C-alpha atoms as a PDB file:
ATOM      1  CA  MET A   1      75.985 124.775 116.547  1.00  0.00           C
ATOM      2  CA  SER A   2      78.160 122.432 114.595  1.00  0.00           C
ATOM      3  CA  LEU A   3      81.648 122.662 114.452  1.00  0.00           C
ATOM      4  CA  THR A   4      84.114 120.819 111.933  1.00  0.00           C
ATOM      5  CA  LEU A   5      87.567 120.164 112.615  1.00  0.00           C
ATOM      6  CA  THR A   6      90.193 119.846 110.012  1.00  0.00           C
ATOM      7  CA  LEU A   7      93.201 116.633 110.868  1.00  0.00           C
ATOM      8  CA  THR A   8      95.757 115.393 109.560  1.00  0.00           C
ATOM      9  CA  THR A   9      95.249 111.454 108.868  1.00  0.00           C
ATOM     10  CA  GLU A  10      98.211 110.740 111.714  1.00  0.00           C
ATOM     11  CA  GLN A  11      96.212 112.881 114.135  1.00  0.00           C
ATOM     12  CA  ALA A  12      92.553 111.103 112.866  1.00  0.00           C
ATOM     13  CA  ILE A  13      94.719 107.698 113.493  1.00  0.00           C
ATOM     14  CA  THR A  14      96.140 109.259 116.951  1.00  0.00           C
ATOM     15  CA  LEU A  15      92.501 109.975 118.057  1.00  0.00           C
ATOM     16  CA  LEU A  16      91.060 106.558 116.749  1.00  0.00           C
ATOM     17  CA  GLU A  17      94.000 104.909 119.117  1.00  0.00           C
ATOM     18  CA  GLN A  18      92.822 106.290 121.979  1.00  0.00           C
ATOM     19  CA  LEU A  19      89.289 104.911 121.777  1.00  0.00           C
ATOM     20  CA  PRO A  20      88.474 101.697 123.429  1.00  0.00           C
ATOM     21  CA  PRO A  21      88.399  98.757 121.627  1.00  0.00           C
ATOM     22  CA  ARG A  22      84.035  98.253 121.030  1.00  0.00           C
ATOM     23  CA  LYS A  23      84.492 101.611 119.772  1.00  0.00           C
ATOM     24  CA  LYS A  24      87.107 101.231 117.058  1.00  0.00           C
ATOM     25  CA  MET A  25      85.548  98.173 116.057  1.00  0.00           C
ATOM     26  CA  GLU A  26      82.174 100.296 115.675  1.00  0.00           C
ATOM     27  CA  VAL A  27      84.437 103.436 113.373  1.00  0.00           C
ATOM     28  CA  LEU A  28      86.292 100.521 111.561  1.00  0.00           C
ATOM     29  CA  ILE A  29      82.718  98.858 110.436  1.00  0.00           C
ATOM     30  CA  LYS A  30      81.509 102.034 109.645  1.00  0.00           C
ATOM     31  CA  LEU A  31      84.079 103.083 108.010  1.00  0.00           C
ATOM     32  CA  SER A  32      84.097  99.069 105.696  1.00  0.00           C
ATOM     33  CA  GLU A  33      80.466 100.046 105.336  1.00  0.00           C
ATOM     34  CA  GLN A  34      80.948 103.485 103.450  1.00  0.00           C
ATOM     35  CA  ALA A  35      83.983 101.884 101.802  1.00  0.00           C
ATOM     36  CA  HIS A  36      81.802  99.245 100.003  1.00  0.00           C
ATOM     37  CA  VAL A  37      79.029 101.607  99.136  1.00  0.00           C
ATOM     38  CA  GLY A  38      81.938 103.175  96.971  1.00  0.00           C
ATOM     39  CA  HIS A  39      83.193 100.633  95.247  1.00  0.00           C
ATOM     40  CA  GLU A  40      80.081  99.753  94.366  1.00  0.00           C
ATOM     41  CA  GLU A  41      79.424 102.617  92.539  1.00  0.00           C
ATOM     42  CA  GLN A  42      82.803 102.219  90.883  1.00  0.00           C
ATOM     43  CA  MET A  43      82.653  98.901  90.342  1.00  0.00           C
ATOM     44  CA  ARG A  44      79.118  99.760  88.258  1.00  0.00           C
ATOM     45  CA  TYR A  45      80.956 103.166  86.452  1.00  0.00           C
ATOM     46  CA  GLY A  46      83.406 100.782  85.273  1.00  0.00           C
ATOM     47  CA  GLU A  47      81.433  97.964  83.834  1.00  0.00           C
ATOM     48  CA  SER A  48      79.600 100.508  81.574  1.00  0.00           C
ATOM     49  CA  LYS A  49      82.593 102.569  80.014  1.00  0.00           C
ATOM     50  CA  VAL A  50      84.282  99.273  79.224  1.00  0.00           C
ATOM     51  CA  ARG A  51      81.055  97.785  77.827  1.00  0.00           C
ATOM     52  CA  GLN A  52      81.043 101.359  76.104  1.00  0.00           C
ATOM     53  CA  LEU A  53      84.255 100.471  74.622  1.00  0.00           C
ATOM     54  CA  CYS A  54      83.281  97.148  73.663  1.00  0.00           C
ATOM     55  CA  ALA A  55      80.737  99.010  71.343  1.00  0.00           C
ATOM     56  CA  LYS A  56      83.082 101.147  69.883  1.00  0.00           C
ATOM     57  CA  ARG A  57      84.954  98.163  68.522  1.00  0.00           C
ATOM     58  CA  GLY A  58      81.972  96.294  67.589  1.00  0.00           C
ATOM     59  CA  LEU A  59      82.039  93.806  70.604  1.00  0.00           C
ATOM     60  CA  ASN A  60      79.676  92.520  73.031  1.00  0.00           C
ATOM     61  CA  TRP A  61      80.980  92.628  76.522  1.00  0.00           C
ATOM     62  CA  ASP A  62      78.171  89.587  77.520  1.00  0.00           C
ATOM     63  CA  ALA A  63      78.899  87.524  74.626  1.00  0.00           C
ATOM     64  CA  MET A  64      82.891  87.588  74.996  1.00  0.00           C
ATOM     65  CA  SER A  65      84.153  84.542  77.350  1.00  0.00           C
ATOM     66  CA  GLU A  66      86.066  85.566  80.221  1.00  0.00           C
ATOM     67  CA  GLN A  67      89.380  85.052  78.137  1.00  0.00           C
ATOM     68  CA  GLU A  68      88.604  87.698  75.431  1.00  0.00           C
ATOM     69  CA  ARG A  69      86.895  89.534  78.501  1.00  0.00           C
ATOM     70  CA  GLU A  70      90.748  89.199  79.987  1.00  0.00           C
ATOM     71  CA  ASP A  71      92.168  89.681  76.907  1.00  0.00           C
ATOM     72  CA  PHE A  72      90.116  92.827  75.894  1.00  0.00           C
ATOM     73  CA  ILE A  73      91.604  94.820  79.326  1.00  0.00           C
ATOM     74  CA  ASP A  74      94.732  93.690  78.651  1.00  0.00           C
ATOM     75  CA  ASP A  75      94.876  95.317  75.301  1.00  0.00           C
ATOM     76  CA  ILE A  76      93.682  98.743  76.854  1.00  0.00           C
ATOM     77  CA  VAL A  77      95.686  98.354  79.575  1.00  0.00           C
ATOM     78  CA  HIS A  78      98.828  97.446  77.996  1.00  0.00           C
ATOM     79  CA  GLU A  79      99.716 101.089  76.370  1.00  0.00           C
ATOM     80  CA  ASP A  80     103.097  99.541  75.214  1.00  0.00           C
ATOM     81  CA  ARG A  81     101.176  97.752  72.200  1.00  0.00           C
ATOM     82  CA  ALA A  82      97.485  98.788  69.877  1.00  0.00           C
ATOM     83  CA  CYS A  83      94.605  97.245  70.763  1.00  0.00           C
ATOM     84  CA  SER A  84      92.390  94.780  69.355  1.00  0.00           C
ATOM     85  CA  GLN A  85      90.317  97.069  67.230  1.00  0.00           C
END
């Protein structure tokens, strides 16, 4: 039989604080591993979207210098000015 327990963040923290130091470390390592996997997936997704935006504007992300990439992202992020097209 499986049981699901729903806790608030505060309740989860309170429970984790009751663990011995070694078990706390195990929990932190596991959470860190899961966050890392999610981060890699987000980075791949974001990179594919940036490449698509470049292609729409006739640019090649791989051929751009680091400064050109930074400028391109800066243009996209700042809504108060027009993006280079």
